[in-house]
Protein backbone atom coordinates (compact mmCIF):
# COMPACT_ATOMS: atom_id res chain seq x y z
CA MET A 1 98.62 86.15 66.23
CA GLN A 2 98.31 89.89 66.56
CA ASP A 3 100.20 89.68 69.86
CA LEU A 4 103.07 87.91 68.07
CA ARG A 5 103.17 90.72 65.52
CA LYS A 6 103.18 93.31 68.32
CA GLY A 7 106.13 91.57 69.95
CA LEU A 8 104.24 90.62 73.13
CA PHE A 9 105.65 87.09 72.87
CA ASP A 10 108.34 85.37 70.86
CA VAL A 11 106.94 81.93 70.10
CA LEU A 12 103.68 80.85 68.53
CA VAL A 13 102.89 77.16 68.34
CA GLY A 14 100.53 76.46 65.46
CA VAL A 15 98.99 73.28 64.21
CA ASN A 16 97.72 74.54 60.88
CA LEU A 17 99.81 77.11 59.07
CA LEU A 18 98.31 76.33 55.68
CA ARG A 19 95.47 78.82 55.88
CA GLU A 20 95.48 81.06 52.82
CA GLY A 21 96.12 84.72 53.53
CA LEU A 22 98.08 83.99 56.68
CA ASP A 23 100.87 86.51 56.19
CA LEU A 24 103.11 87.17 59.17
CA PRO A 25 106.38 88.77 58.01
CA GLU A 26 107.66 88.70 61.60
CA VAL A 27 107.94 84.90 61.49
CA SER A 28 111.66 84.13 61.31
CA LEU A 29 111.61 80.42 62.12
CA VAL A 30 109.23 77.64 61.17
CA ALA A 31 109.84 74.24 62.76
CA ILE A 32 108.03 71.21 61.37
CA LEU A 33 107.89 68.28 63.76
CA ASP A 34 107.66 64.74 62.34
CA ALA A 35 108.29 66.08 58.84
CA ASP A 36 108.92 62.53 57.63
CA LYS A 37 105.41 61.33 58.48
CA GLU A 38 103.85 61.15 55.01
CA GLY A 39 100.29 62.38 54.68
CA PHE A 40 98.23 65.44 53.78
CA LEU A 41 100.07 67.83 56.11
CA ARG A 42 103.45 66.43 55.09
CA SER A 43 102.97 66.35 51.31
CA ASN A 44 105.37 68.26 49.08
CA ARG A 45 102.82 71.05 48.59
CA SER A 46 102.00 71.35 52.30
CA LEU A 47 105.64 71.31 53.37
CA THR A 48 106.48 73.96 50.76
CA GLN A 49 103.61 76.18 51.94
CA THR A 50 104.54 75.74 55.59
CA VAL A 51 108.24 76.43 54.96
CA GLY A 52 107.17 79.50 52.97
CA ARG A 53 105.70 81.06 56.10
CA ALA A 54 109.24 82.12 57.04
CA ALA A 55 110.12 83.27 53.52
CA ARG A 56 108.83 86.83 54.02
CA ASN A 57 111.42 87.45 56.74
CA LEU A 58 114.96 88.51 55.72
CA ASN A 59 116.42 86.03 58.21
CA GLY A 60 113.70 83.42 57.80
CA LYS A 61 114.60 79.78 58.34
CA ALA A 62 112.74 76.50 58.33
CA ILE A 63 113.73 73.37 60.20
CA MET A 64 112.19 70.00 59.39
CA TYR A 65 112.65 67.50 62.22
CA ALA A 66 112.69 63.93 60.91
CA ASP A 67 114.36 60.55 61.19
CA LYS A 68 114.79 60.29 57.42
CA ILE A 69 114.38 62.52 54.38
CA THR A 70 111.21 61.60 52.48
CA ASN A 71 110.53 62.31 48.80
CA SER A 72 108.21 65.16 49.83
CA MET A 73 110.89 66.68 52.04
CA GLN A 74 113.54 66.39 49.31
CA LYS A 75 111.24 67.98 46.72
CA THR A 76 110.54 70.84 49.14
CA ILE A 77 114.26 71.32 49.84
CA ASP A 78 115.10 71.21 46.12
CA GLU A 79 112.30 73.64 45.20
CA THR A 80 113.31 76.04 47.99
CA ASN A 81 116.95 75.98 46.90
CA TYR A 82 115.94 76.49 43.25
CA ARG A 83 113.73 79.47 44.13
CA ARG A 84 116.45 80.96 46.35
CA GLU A 85 119.07 80.69 43.57
CA LYS A 86 116.65 82.21 41.07
CA GLN A 87 115.82 85.11 43.44
CA ILE A 88 119.49 85.79 44.21
CA ALA A 89 120.31 85.82 40.48
CA TYR A 90 117.44 88.23 39.79
CA ASN A 91 118.45 90.49 42.67
CA THR A 92 122.07 90.54 41.48
CA GLU A 93 121.13 91.23 37.86
CA HIS A 94 118.75 94.06 38.79
CA ASN A 95 120.78 95.42 41.72
CA VAL A 96 117.96 94.72 44.18
CA LYS A 97 118.78 94.71 47.87
CA PRO A 98 116.27 92.72 49.96
CA LYS A 99 114.50 94.79 52.60
CA ALA A 100 112.45 93.77 55.58
CA LEU A 101 108.74 93.93 54.94
CA ASN A 102 106.99 96.35 57.28
CA LYS A 103 103.36 95.46 57.20
CA SER A 104 100.77 97.30 59.26
CA LEU A 105 99.30 95.30 62.12
CA ASP A 106 95.82 95.55 60.62
CA ASN A 107 96.85 93.72 57.43
CA ALA A 108 98.17 90.50 58.98
CA LEU A 109 94.82 88.84 59.19
CA SER A 110 92.32 90.53 56.96
CA LYS A 111 89.29 91.80 58.80
CA ASN A 112 87.26 92.00 55.59
CA SER A 113 84.96 89.19 56.61
CA VAL A 114 82.52 89.95 59.36
CA SER A 115 82.29 87.30 62.02
CA THR A 116 78.93 85.59 61.72
CA TYR A 117 79.14 83.40 64.77
CA SER A 118 78.58 84.26 68.37
CA TYR A 119 79.56 82.01 71.23
CA GLU A 120 79.92 82.89 74.87
CA LEU A 121 81.36 80.56 77.44
CA GLU A 122 79.07 79.66 80.26
CA ALA A 123 79.94 81.53 83.45
CA ALA A 124 79.25 78.48 85.57
CA ARG A 125 78.57 74.84 84.84
CA ALA A 126 76.44 72.31 86.60
CA ALA A 127 78.17 69.58 88.56
CA GLU A 128 77.32 67.05 85.82
CA PRO A 129 77.82 67.68 82.13
CA GLU A 130 74.72 68.75 80.22
CA SER A 131 75.09 65.69 77.98
CA GLU A 132 74.07 63.42 80.86
CA TYR A 133 70.44 64.49 80.45
CA LEU A 134 70.10 64.61 76.66
CA THR A 135 68.33 62.09 74.45
CA LYS A 136 69.94 60.60 71.33
CA PRO A 137 68.24 63.08 68.93
CA GLU A 138 69.14 65.99 71.23
CA LEU A 139 72.78 64.85 71.34
CA GLU A 140 72.90 64.56 67.55
CA LYS A 141 71.44 68.05 67.20
CA LYS A 142 73.93 69.47 69.73
CA ILE A 143 76.82 67.86 67.84
CA ARG A 144 75.66 69.44 64.55
CA GLU A 145 75.22 72.86 66.19
CA LYS A 146 78.58 72.76 67.97
CA ARG A 147 80.37 71.56 64.81
CA LYS A 148 78.94 74.49 62.83
CA LEU A 149 80.02 76.94 65.55
CA MET A 150 83.46 75.31 65.71
CA GLU A 151 83.96 75.68 61.95
CA GLU A 152 82.87 79.32 62.08
CA ALA A 153 85.18 80.01 65.02
CA ALA A 154 88.12 78.41 63.20
CA LYS A 155 87.33 80.42 60.07
CA ALA A 156 87.39 83.57 62.19
CA LEU A 157 90.74 82.41 63.67
CA ASP A 158 89.24 82.11 67.15
CA PHE A 159 91.08 78.87 67.87
CA ILE A 160 90.50 78.89 71.62
CA ILE A 161 86.73 78.84 71.17
CA ALA A 162 87.09 76.31 68.33
CA ALA A 163 89.08 73.99 70.62
CA GLN A 164 86.51 74.32 73.41
CA LEU A 165 83.73 73.50 70.96
CA ARG A 166 85.74 70.52 69.68
CA ASP A 167 85.99 69.26 73.26
CA ASP A 168 82.24 69.73 73.74
CA ILE A 169 81.59 67.73 70.56
CA LYS A 170 83.82 64.94 71.82
CA THR A 171 81.88 64.81 75.10
CA TYR A 172 78.57 64.62 73.22
CA GLN A 173 79.92 61.93 70.88
CA GLU A 174 81.13 59.82 73.82
CA LYS A 175 77.71 60.07 75.46
CA LEU A 176 76.06 59.19 72.15
CA GLU A 177 78.25 56.07 71.85
CA LYS A 178 77.20 55.00 75.35
CA LEU A 179 73.54 55.34 74.39
CA LYS A 180 74.04 53.10 71.34
CA VAL A 181 75.36 50.25 73.50
């Protein structure tokens, strides 16, 4: 995300933009795919928060891709329009001219929390996955350990490591299922 802020690339594809404290004023467009699929990530609150990720940018826009407008989408649209009208009225009344927010690169993702996890990728792997030789209790322990590391990596915004750990967990779970049969 720092590279996006530095302008090293123009597009960032994210799957979870609801994390609190995620403040990227450079984001000018948020696109929500399958916005009409009701559920936790498509609730009124979640849609409003996700759309709000572009609100810090003077030219910020949000696009919700959908086949139909759901109640959650309509509430989000109505709330956004209401807030926009209220802000424009306030700005007009108090002669405020919106300015672009220039935030230092260090502030985008607060570094206040010290990373407590450590995970290094193996330089080389054996021909067969490690899970082939583990017992049921060992697999269960590995799954718990990897899940904890994955959660810590995600908390530290190290999504590449978190995804690799998720894949490792899936491999262990598949092997565990085979042992149960």
